[in-house]
Amino acid sequence: MAKQNIKTKKEDIVKYWFFERLIDECGLSVDASDALERCWRCGCEHNLERCHIVPEALGGKDEPSNLVLLCHRCHIDNPNVMDSEIMWDWIRAYGVPFYGTFWGLIGLKEYEFIYHKSFVSDLIDLGITDVKEMHRLIELYIPQIIKDNIGHHYGLHI
C-alpha cells in the first residue's frame, strides 16, 4: 500500500461520523468515546490510519465523509469499492461487543478451519473437560497467538 498524504485530521473524521452525521454505533466494534483510539472494525487499541471508504483511485475524496479510522491490519483488509454502504456493511459484519476479543475470535475460527475441529474439541480430546480450565487455556493461548501484531499466523496446536 503506497503511503498516502491525507490532510483530513482524525479528530475531524470522528467529529463528522459520531457527532454530526450521528452514525448508528450498533454493530461497530467501537463507540464514540473511543473512536480516536480504537479501530472501528476490530476494536483493538492501535495507531489508527485514515482509510478511504471509496479509494482515491476510484475517485474518493480526502474528506471526513469518505474516511474511517482503522488499524493497519484492518486497513489492509478493507474492501476497495465505489459503494460506501459496502464499507459500512464490512465494518459491521465483524463487530464485537467487547474490546480486545476480535482477533481471538478470528483465531478460533481459523483454528477450526485449519484443523476441522474446534479448539475446545481438542481440549476435550486431551481430557480437559472442566469449563473453568478450558477458559483458562483459551485465555492463556489465544492471546499468545495474536499478541504484538503478529498478523494472521494462527494454528498453534496444543
N, C-alpha and C. Protein backbone atom coordinates (compact mmCIF):
# COMPACT_ATOMS: atom_id res chain seq x y z
N MET A 1 0.84 -1.16 0.00
CA MET A 1 0.00 0.00 0.00
C MET A 1 0.90 1.23 0.00
N ALA A 2 0.69 2.10 -0.94
CA ALA A 2 1.50 3.31 -1.05
C ALA A 2 1.15 4.27 0.10
N LYS A 3 2.14 4.98 0.57
CA LYS A 3 1.94 5.96 1.63
C LYS A 3 1.07 7.08 1.09
N GLN A 4 0.00 7.40 1.82
CA GLN A 4 -0.92 8.41 1.36
C GLN A 4 -0.67 9.72 2.08
N ASN A 5 -0.97 10.81 1.43
CA ASN A 5 -0.82 12.12 2.02
C ASN A 5 -2.22 12.67 2.31
N ILE A 6 -2.86 12.12 3.34
CA ILE A 6 -4.21 12.53 3.70
C ILE A 6 -4.12 13.73 4.64
N LYS A 7 -4.82 14.80 4.29
CA LYS A 7 -4.77 16.02 5.09
C LYS A 7 -5.85 16.07 6.16
N THR A 8 -6.94 15.37 5.97
CA THR A 8 -8.04 15.39 6.93
C THR A 8 -7.56 14.83 8.27
N LYS A 9 -7.85 15.53 9.34
CA LYS A 9 -7.43 15.12 10.68
C LYS A 9 -8.34 14.02 11.21
N LYS A 10 -7.76 13.13 12.00
CA LYS A 10 -8.53 12.04 12.61
C LYS A 10 -9.68 12.58 13.45
N GLU A 11 -9.42 13.67 14.17
CA GLU A 11 -10.47 14.28 15.01
C GLU A 11 -11.66 14.74 14.17
N ASP A 12 -11.39 15.23 12.97
CA ASP A 12 -12.46 15.68 12.08
C ASP A 12 -13.29 14.50 11.58
N ILE A 13 -12.65 13.36 11.38
CA ILE A 13 -13.37 12.15 10.93
C ILE A 13 -14.31 11.68 12.03
N VAL A 14 -13.81 11.61 13.25
CA VAL A 14 -14.65 11.19 14.39
C VAL A 14 -15.79 12.18 14.60
N LYS A 15 -15.48 13.47 14.55
CA LYS A 15 -16.50 14.50 14.73
C LYS A 15 -17.60 14.35 13.68
N TYR A 16 -17.20 14.14 12.43
CA TYR A 16 -18.19 14.00 11.36
C TYR A 16 -19.11 12.81 11.60
N TRP A 17 -18.54 11.63 11.80
CA TRP A 17 -19.35 10.41 11.87
C TRP A 17 -20.11 10.26 13.19
N PHE A 18 -19.50 10.63 14.30
CA PHE A 18 -20.12 10.35 15.59
C PHE A 18 -20.88 11.54 16.18
N PHE A 19 -20.61 12.77 15.70
CA PHE A 19 -21.26 13.91 16.32
C PHE A 19 -22.05 14.78 15.34
N GLU A 20 -21.75 14.70 14.06
CA GLU A 20 -22.51 15.45 13.06
C GLU A 20 -23.47 14.53 12.31
N ARG A 21 -22.93 13.47 11.76
CA ARG A 21 -23.74 12.50 10.99
C ARG A 21 -24.52 11.58 11.92
N LEU A 22 -24.04 11.44 13.16
CA LEU A 22 -24.66 10.58 14.17
C LEU A 22 -24.88 9.16 13.66
N ILE A 23 -23.79 8.56 13.21
CA ILE A 23 -23.83 7.19 12.73
C ILE A 23 -24.31 6.26 13.84
N ASP A 24 -25.07 5.28 13.49
CA ASP A 24 -25.55 4.29 14.45
C ASP A 24 -24.37 3.43 14.90
N GLU A 25 -24.07 3.44 16.18
CA GLU A 25 -22.93 2.69 16.70
C GLU A 25 -23.22 1.19 16.84
N CYS A 26 -24.48 0.79 16.71
CA CYS A 26 -24.82 -0.63 16.82
C CYS A 26 -24.06 -1.43 15.77
N GLY A 27 -23.43 -2.47 16.20
CA GLY A 27 -22.70 -3.34 15.29
C GLY A 27 -21.27 -2.93 15.05
N LEU A 28 -20.89 -1.73 15.50
CA LEU A 28 -19.50 -1.33 15.38
C LEU A 28 -18.72 -1.92 16.56
N SER A 29 -17.43 -2.07 16.39
CA SER A 29 -16.58 -2.57 17.47
C SER A 29 -16.04 -1.44 18.33
N VAL A 30 -16.58 -0.25 18.15
CA VAL A 30 -16.12 0.92 18.88
C VAL A 30 -17.30 1.86 19.11
N ASP A 31 -17.21 2.67 20.16
CA ASP A 31 -18.22 3.71 20.33
C ASP A 31 -17.54 5.07 20.26
N ALA A 32 -18.33 6.12 20.27
CA ALA A 32 -17.81 7.47 20.07
C ALA A 32 -16.71 7.83 21.05
N SER A 33 -16.82 7.39 22.28
CA SER A 33 -15.85 7.77 23.30
C SER A 33 -14.45 7.21 23.03
N ASP A 34 -14.35 6.14 22.26
CA ASP A 34 -13.06 5.51 21.98
C ASP A 34 -12.69 5.53 20.50
N ALA A 35 -13.42 6.28 19.70
CA ALA A 35 -13.23 6.24 18.25
C ALA A 35 -11.90 6.81 17.76
N LEU A 36 -11.20 7.55 18.60
CA LEU A 36 -9.87 8.05 18.22
C LEU A 36 -8.76 7.10 18.62
N GLU A 37 -9.06 6.12 19.47
CA GLU A 37 -8.03 5.20 19.97
C GLU A 37 -8.20 3.76 19.49
N ARG A 38 -9.41 3.40 19.09
CA ARG A 38 -9.69 2.00 18.75
C ARG A 38 -10.18 1.87 17.32
N CYS A 39 -9.73 0.80 16.68
CA CYS A 39 -10.14 0.50 15.30
C CYS A 39 -11.65 0.33 15.23
N TRP A 40 -12.24 0.93 14.22
CA TRP A 40 -13.69 0.87 14.09
C TRP A 40 -14.18 -0.50 13.68
N ARG A 41 -13.31 -1.34 13.13
CA ARG A 41 -13.70 -2.70 12.74
C ARG A 41 -13.43 -3.70 13.84
N CYS A 42 -12.21 -3.76 14.34
CA CYS A 42 -11.85 -4.81 15.30
C CYS A 42 -11.87 -4.36 16.75
N GLY A 43 -11.89 -3.05 16.99
CA GLY A 43 -11.94 -2.54 18.35
C GLY A 43 -10.62 -2.57 19.09
N CYS A 44 -9.56 -3.01 18.43
CA CYS A 44 -8.25 -3.08 19.08
C CYS A 44 -7.66 -1.68 19.22
N GLU A 45 -6.88 -1.51 20.27
CA GLU A 45 -6.25 -0.23 20.52
C GLU A 45 -4.90 -0.21 19.83
N HIS A 46 -4.83 0.49 18.71
CA HIS A 46 -3.63 0.58 17.89
C HIS A 46 -3.51 1.99 17.36
N ASN A 47 -2.37 2.28 16.73
CA ASN A 47 -2.27 3.52 15.98
C ASN A 47 -3.24 3.40 14.81
N LEU A 48 -4.12 4.34 14.71
CA LEU A 48 -5.14 4.26 13.66
C LEU A 48 -4.69 4.98 12.40
N GLU A 49 -5.13 4.42 11.27
CA GLU A 49 -4.84 5.00 9.97
C GLU A 49 -6.15 5.53 9.38
N ARG A 50 -6.04 6.60 8.63
CA ARG A 50 -7.19 7.13 7.93
C ARG A 50 -7.37 6.30 6.67
N CYS A 51 -8.52 5.69 6.56
CA CYS A 51 -8.80 4.78 5.44
C CYS A 51 -9.95 5.34 4.61
N HIS A 52 -9.70 5.45 3.31
CA HIS A 52 -10.75 5.92 2.41
C HIS A 52 -11.86 4.87 2.31
N ILE A 53 -13.09 5.34 2.34
CA ILE A 53 -14.23 4.46 2.11
C ILE A 53 -14.26 4.13 0.61
N VAL A 54 -14.29 5.15 -0.20
CA VAL A 54 -14.10 4.99 -1.65
C VAL A 54 -12.66 5.43 -1.91
N PRO A 55 -11.81 4.52 -2.36
CA PRO A 55 -10.39 4.85 -2.55
C PRO A 55 -10.17 6.01 -3.53
N GLU A 56 -9.06 6.71 -3.32
CA GLU A 56 -8.71 7.80 -4.23
C GLU A 56 -8.66 7.32 -5.68
N ALA A 57 -8.14 6.11 -5.89
CA ALA A 57 -8.01 5.56 -7.24
C ALA A 57 -9.37 5.39 -7.93
N LEU A 58 -10.44 5.30 -7.11
CA LEU A 58 -11.78 5.17 -7.67
C LEU A 58 -12.57 6.47 -7.56
N GLY A 59 -11.85 7.58 -7.28
CA GLY A 59 -12.50 8.89 -7.23
C GLY A 59 -12.85 9.38 -5.84
N GLY A 60 -12.46 8.65 -4.79
CA GLY A 60 -12.77 9.05 -3.42
C GLY A 60 -12.00 10.29 -3.02
N LYS A 61 -12.64 11.12 -2.22
CA LYS A 61 -12.04 12.39 -1.82
C LYS A 61 -11.43 12.31 -0.42
N ASP A 62 -10.53 13.23 -0.14
CA ASP A 62 -9.89 13.38 1.16
C ASP A 62 -10.78 14.31 2.00
N GLU A 63 -11.86 13.74 2.53
CA GLU A 63 -12.77 14.50 3.39
C GLU A 63 -13.39 13.55 4.41
N PRO A 64 -13.82 14.07 5.56
CA PRO A 64 -14.33 13.22 6.63
C PRO A 64 -15.43 12.25 6.21
N SER A 65 -16.28 12.65 5.30
CA SER A 65 -17.39 11.78 4.88
C SER A 65 -16.92 10.57 4.08
N ASN A 66 -15.66 10.55 3.68
CA ASN A 66 -15.12 9.44 2.89
C ASN A 66 -13.97 8.73 3.62
N LEU A 67 -13.88 8.92 4.93
CA LEU A 67 -12.79 8.32 5.69
C LEU A 67 -13.31 7.67 6.96
N VAL A 68 -12.67 6.57 7.34
CA VAL A 68 -12.90 5.91 8.62
C VAL A 68 -11.54 5.66 9.25
N LEU A 69 -11.52 5.30 10.53
CA LEU A 69 -10.26 5.03 11.22
C LEU A 69 -10.12 3.54 11.49
N LEU A 70 -9.06 2.95 10.93
CA LEU A 70 -8.81 1.52 11.07
C LEU A 70 -7.36 1.29 11.51
N CYS A 71 -7.13 0.17 12.19
CA CYS A 71 -5.75 -0.23 12.47
C CYS A 71 -5.11 -0.69 11.16
N HIS A 72 -3.82 -0.88 11.16
CA HIS A 72 -3.12 -1.25 9.93
C HIS A 72 -3.63 -2.57 9.35
N ARG A 73 -3.84 -3.58 10.21
CA ARG A 73 -4.31 -4.88 9.71
C ARG A 73 -5.66 -4.76 9.02
N CYS A 74 -6.59 -4.02 9.65
CA CYS A 74 -7.91 -3.87 9.05
C CYS A 74 -7.86 -2.99 7.80
N HIS A 75 -6.99 -1.98 7.81
CA HIS A 75 -6.84 -1.12 6.64
C HIS A 75 -6.39 -1.93 5.43
N ILE A 76 -5.47 -2.85 5.64
CA ILE A 76 -5.01 -3.71 4.54
C ILE A 76 -6.14 -4.58 4.01
N ASP A 77 -7.02 -5.05 4.89
CA ASP A 77 -8.11 -5.95 4.51
C ASP A 77 -9.33 -5.26 3.93
N ASN A 78 -9.43 -3.94 4.05
CA ASN A 78 -10.69 -3.27 3.70
C ASN A 78 -11.04 -3.42 2.23
N PRO A 79 -12.34 -3.40 1.93
CA PRO A 79 -12.77 -3.53 0.53
C PRO A 79 -12.52 -2.24 -0.25
N ASN A 80 -12.08 -2.36 -1.46
CA ASN A 80 -11.93 -1.22 -2.37
C ASN A 80 -13.16 -1.18 -3.25
N VAL A 81 -14.09 -0.31 -2.88
CA VAL A 81 -15.40 -0.30 -3.55
C VAL A 81 -15.85 1.12 -3.84
N MET A 82 -16.78 1.24 -4.75
CA MET A 82 -17.38 2.53 -5.09
C MET A 82 -18.57 2.85 -4.18
N ASP A 83 -19.19 1.82 -3.62
CA ASP A 83 -20.39 1.98 -2.80
C ASP A 83 -20.00 2.05 -1.33
N SER A 84 -20.19 3.20 -0.70
CA SER A 84 -19.79 3.37 0.70
C SER A 84 -20.54 2.44 1.64
N GLU A 85 -21.75 2.03 1.28
CA GLU A 85 -22.50 1.11 2.15
C GLU A 85 -21.79 -0.23 2.31
N ILE A 86 -21.05 -0.64 1.29
CA ILE A 86 -20.32 -1.90 1.39
C ILE A 86 -19.26 -1.81 2.48
N MET A 87 -18.58 -0.66 2.59
CA MET A 87 -17.59 -0.46 3.65
C MET A 87 -18.25 -0.58 5.02
N TRP A 88 -19.40 0.10 5.20
CA TRP A 88 -20.08 0.04 6.49
C TRP A 88 -20.60 -1.36 6.77
N ASP A 89 -21.08 -2.07 5.77
CA ASP A 89 -21.51 -3.46 5.96
C ASP A 89 -20.32 -4.32 6.38
N TRP A 90 -19.16 -4.10 5.77
CA TRP A 90 -17.95 -4.86 6.09
C TRP A 90 -17.51 -4.58 7.52
N ILE A 91 -17.50 -3.32 7.93
CA ILE A 91 -17.12 -2.97 9.30
C ILE A 91 -18.07 -3.61 10.30
N ARG A 92 -19.37 -3.53 10.04
CA ARG A 92 -20.36 -4.08 10.98
C ARG A 92 -20.37 -5.61 10.98
N ALA A 93 -20.02 -6.22 9.87
CA ALA A 93 -20.03 -7.68 9.80
C ALA A 93 -19.06 -8.31 10.80
N TYR A 94 -18.07 -7.55 11.23
CA TYR A 94 -17.07 -8.06 12.15
C TYR A 94 -17.18 -7.45 13.54
N GLY A 95 -18.24 -6.72 13.80
CA GLY A 95 -18.40 -6.06 15.08
C GLY A 95 -18.39 -7.04 16.24
N VAL A 96 -17.69 -6.67 17.30
CA VAL A 96 -17.64 -7.47 18.53
C VAL A 96 -18.10 -6.61 19.69
N PRO A 97 -18.78 -7.21 20.67
CA PRO A 97 -19.31 -6.42 21.78
C PRO A 97 -18.27 -6.04 22.84
N PHE A 98 -17.13 -6.71 22.87
CA PHE A 98 -16.13 -6.45 23.89
C PHE A 98 -14.78 -6.14 23.25
N TYR A 99 -14.15 -5.08 23.72
CA TYR A 99 -12.83 -4.72 23.22
C TYR A 99 -11.84 -5.85 23.45
N GLY A 100 -10.95 -6.03 22.49
CA GLY A 100 -9.88 -7.00 22.63
C GLY A 100 -10.25 -8.44 22.32
N THR A 101 -11.45 -8.68 21.79
CA THR A 101 -11.86 -10.05 21.52
C THR A 101 -11.84 -10.41 20.04
N PHE A 102 -11.81 -9.42 19.17
CA PHE A 102 -11.94 -9.66 17.73
C PHE A 102 -10.94 -10.67 17.21
N TRP A 103 -9.63 -10.42 17.41
CA TRP A 103 -8.62 -11.29 16.81
C TRP A 103 -8.60 -12.66 17.47
N GLY A 104 -8.97 -12.74 18.73
CA GLY A 104 -9.10 -14.05 19.37
C GLY A 104 -10.20 -14.88 18.74
N LEU A 105 -11.34 -14.23 18.45
CA LEU A 105 -12.44 -14.93 17.78
C LEU A 105 -12.04 -15.36 16.38
N ILE A 106 -11.33 -14.48 15.67
CA ILE A 106 -10.85 -14.83 14.34
C ILE A 106 -9.88 -16.02 14.45
N GLY A 107 -9.02 -15.99 15.45
CA GLY A 107 -8.07 -17.08 15.68
C GLY A 107 -8.78 -18.41 15.93
N LEU A 108 -9.83 -18.39 16.73
CA LEU A 108 -10.59 -19.61 17.00
C LEU A 108 -11.27 -20.13 15.73
N LYS A 109 -11.78 -19.22 14.91
CA LYS A 109 -12.41 -19.63 13.64
C LYS A 109 -11.38 -20.23 12.69
N GLU A 110 -10.20 -19.59 12.62
CA GLU A 110 -9.15 -20.13 11.74
C GLU A 110 -8.66 -21.48 12.24
N TYR A 111 -8.54 -21.64 13.54
CA TYR A 111 -8.12 -22.91 14.12
C TYR A 111 -9.07 -24.01 13.66
N GLU A 112 -10.37 -23.72 13.75
CA GLU A 112 -11.37 -24.71 13.33
C GLU A 112 -11.31 -24.96 11.82
N PHE A 113 -11.08 -23.92 11.04
CA PHE A 113 -10.97 -24.08 9.60
C PHE A 113 -9.77 -24.95 9.23
N ILE A 114 -8.65 -24.72 9.90
CA ILE A 114 -7.42 -25.45 9.60
C ILE A 114 -7.49 -26.90 10.06
N TYR A 115 -7.95 -27.11 11.30
CA TYR A 115 -7.92 -28.45 11.89
C TYR A 115 -9.25 -29.20 11.81
N HIS A 116 -10.27 -28.57 11.26
CA HIS A 116 -11.58 -29.19 11.08
C HIS A 116 -12.20 -29.62 12.40
N LYS A 117 -11.81 -28.96 13.46
CA LYS A 117 -12.44 -29.15 14.77
C LYS A 117 -12.11 -27.94 15.60
N SER A 118 -12.92 -27.70 16.59
CA SER A 118 -12.72 -26.51 17.40
C SER A 118 -11.59 -26.69 18.41
N PHE A 119 -11.08 -25.58 18.88
CA PHE A 119 -10.06 -25.58 19.92
C PHE A 119 -10.60 -26.31 21.16
N VAL A 120 -11.87 -26.06 21.48
CA VAL A 120 -12.49 -26.72 22.64
C VAL A 120 -12.55 -28.23 22.42
N SER A 121 -12.86 -28.68 21.21
CA SER A 121 -12.88 -30.13 20.91
C SER A 121 -11.51 -30.74 21.16
N ASP A 122 -10.46 -30.03 20.75
CA ASP A 122 -9.11 -30.53 21.01
C ASP A 122 -8.83 -30.61 22.50
N LEU A 123 -9.30 -29.63 23.25
CA LEU A 123 -9.12 -29.69 24.71
C LEU A 123 -9.83 -30.91 25.29
N ILE A 124 -11.03 -31.17 24.83
CA ILE A 124 -11.78 -32.34 25.30
C ILE A 124 -11.04 -33.63 24.93
N ASP A 125 -10.50 -33.68 23.71
CA ASP A 125 -9.71 -34.85 23.29
C ASP A 125 -8.49 -35.07 24.17
N LEU A 126 -7.97 -33.96 24.73
CA LEU A 126 -6.83 -34.07 25.64
C LEU A 126 -7.27 -34.40 27.08
N GLY A 127 -8.57 -34.58 27.26
CA GLY A 127 -9.09 -34.94 28.58
C GLY A 127 -9.43 -33.75 29.45
N ILE A 128 -9.44 -32.58 28.88
CA ILE A 128 -9.77 -31.38 29.64
C ILE A 128 -11.25 -31.09 29.43
N THR A 129 -12.05 -31.32 30.46
CA THR A 129 -13.49 -31.14 30.34
C THR A 129 -14.04 -30.09 31.30
N ASP A 130 -13.23 -29.65 32.23
CA ASP A 130 -13.66 -28.63 33.17
C ASP A 130 -13.75 -27.28 32.45
N VAL A 131 -14.92 -26.66 32.50
CA VAL A 131 -15.16 -25.42 31.77
C VAL A 131 -14.21 -24.31 32.24
N LYS A 132 -13.96 -24.22 33.53
CA LYS A 132 -13.04 -23.19 34.03
C LYS A 132 -11.63 -23.40 33.49
N GLU A 133 -11.21 -24.65 33.42
CA GLU A 133 -9.88 -24.94 32.88
C GLU A 133 -9.83 -24.63 31.38
N MET A 134 -10.92 -24.91 30.65
CA MET A 134 -10.97 -24.55 29.23
C MET A 134 -10.82 -23.05 29.05
N HIS A 135 -11.57 -22.27 29.83
CA HIS A 135 -11.47 -20.81 29.75
C HIS A 135 -10.06 -20.34 30.06
N ARG A 136 -9.44 -20.95 31.06
CA ARG A 136 -8.07 -20.57 31.42
C ARG A 136 -7.12 -20.81 30.26
N LEU A 137 -7.25 -21.97 29.61
CA LEU A 137 -6.38 -22.29 28.49
C LEU A 137 -6.64 -21.40 27.27
N ILE A 138 -7.90 -21.11 27.01
CA ILE A 138 -8.21 -20.20 25.91
C ILE A 138 -7.61 -18.82 26.19
N GLU A 139 -7.79 -18.33 27.41
CA GLU A 139 -7.23 -17.02 27.78
C GLU A 139 -5.71 -17.05 27.74
N LEU A 140 -5.11 -18.22 28.02
CA LEU A 140 -3.65 -18.34 28.02
C LEU A 140 -3.09 -18.41 26.61
N TYR A 141 -3.68 -19.24 25.75
CA TYR A 141 -3.10 -19.50 24.44
C TYR A 141 -3.55 -18.54 23.34
N ILE A 142 -4.80 -18.17 23.30
CA ILE A 142 -5.27 -17.31 22.20
C ILE A 142 -4.55 -15.96 22.21
N PRO A 143 -4.41 -15.27 23.35
CA PRO A 143 -3.64 -14.01 23.30
C PRO A 143 -2.19 -14.23 22.87
N GLN A 144 -1.59 -15.35 23.20
CA GLN A 144 -0.22 -15.62 22.78
C GLN A 144 -0.14 -15.78 21.26
N ILE A 145 -1.19 -16.29 20.68
CA ILE A 145 -1.22 -16.49 19.24
C ILE A 145 -1.30 -15.15 18.52
N ILE A 146 -2.02 -14.19 19.10
CA ILE A 146 -2.28 -12.94 18.40
C ILE A 146 -1.52 -11.74 18.93
N LYS A 147 -0.69 -11.90 19.94
CA LYS A 147 -0.07 -10.74 20.59
C LYS A 147 0.93 -10.03 19.68
N ASP A 148 1.16 -8.79 20.01
CA ASP A 148 2.19 -7.96 19.37
C ASP A 148 2.09 -7.89 17.86
N ASN A 149 0.87 -7.81 17.34
CA ASN A 149 0.67 -7.58 15.91
C ASN A 149 1.36 -8.61 15.02
N ILE A 150 1.32 -9.88 15.39
CA ILE A 150 1.99 -10.87 14.57
C ILE A 150 1.24 -11.16 13.29
N GLY A 151 0.04 -10.62 13.18
CA GLY A 151 -0.72 -10.82 11.96
C GLY A 151 -1.55 -12.08 12.01
N HIS A 152 -1.86 -12.61 10.87
CA HIS A 152 -2.75 -13.76 10.77
C HIS A 152 -1.94 -15.06 10.81
N HIS A 153 -1.25 -15.32 11.88
CA HIS A 153 -0.46 -16.53 11.99
C HIS A 153 -0.98 -17.38 13.14
N TYR A 154 -2.03 -18.14 12.87
CA TYR A 154 -2.63 -18.98 13.87
C TYR A 154 -2.21 -20.42 13.61
N GLY A 155 -2.75 -21.31 14.41
CA GLY A 155 -2.51 -22.72 14.15
C GLY A 155 -1.70 -23.38 15.24
N LEU A 156 -1.53 -22.70 16.38
CA LEU A 156 -0.84 -23.35 17.49
C LEU A 156 -1.67 -24.53 17.91
N HIS A 157 -1.14 -25.69 17.80
CA HIS A 157 -1.86 -26.93 18.08
C HIS A 157 -1.28 -27.54 19.34
N ILE A 158 -2.03 -27.42 20.46
CA ILE A 158 -1.51 -27.96 21.72
C ILE A 158 -2.06 -29.33 22.00
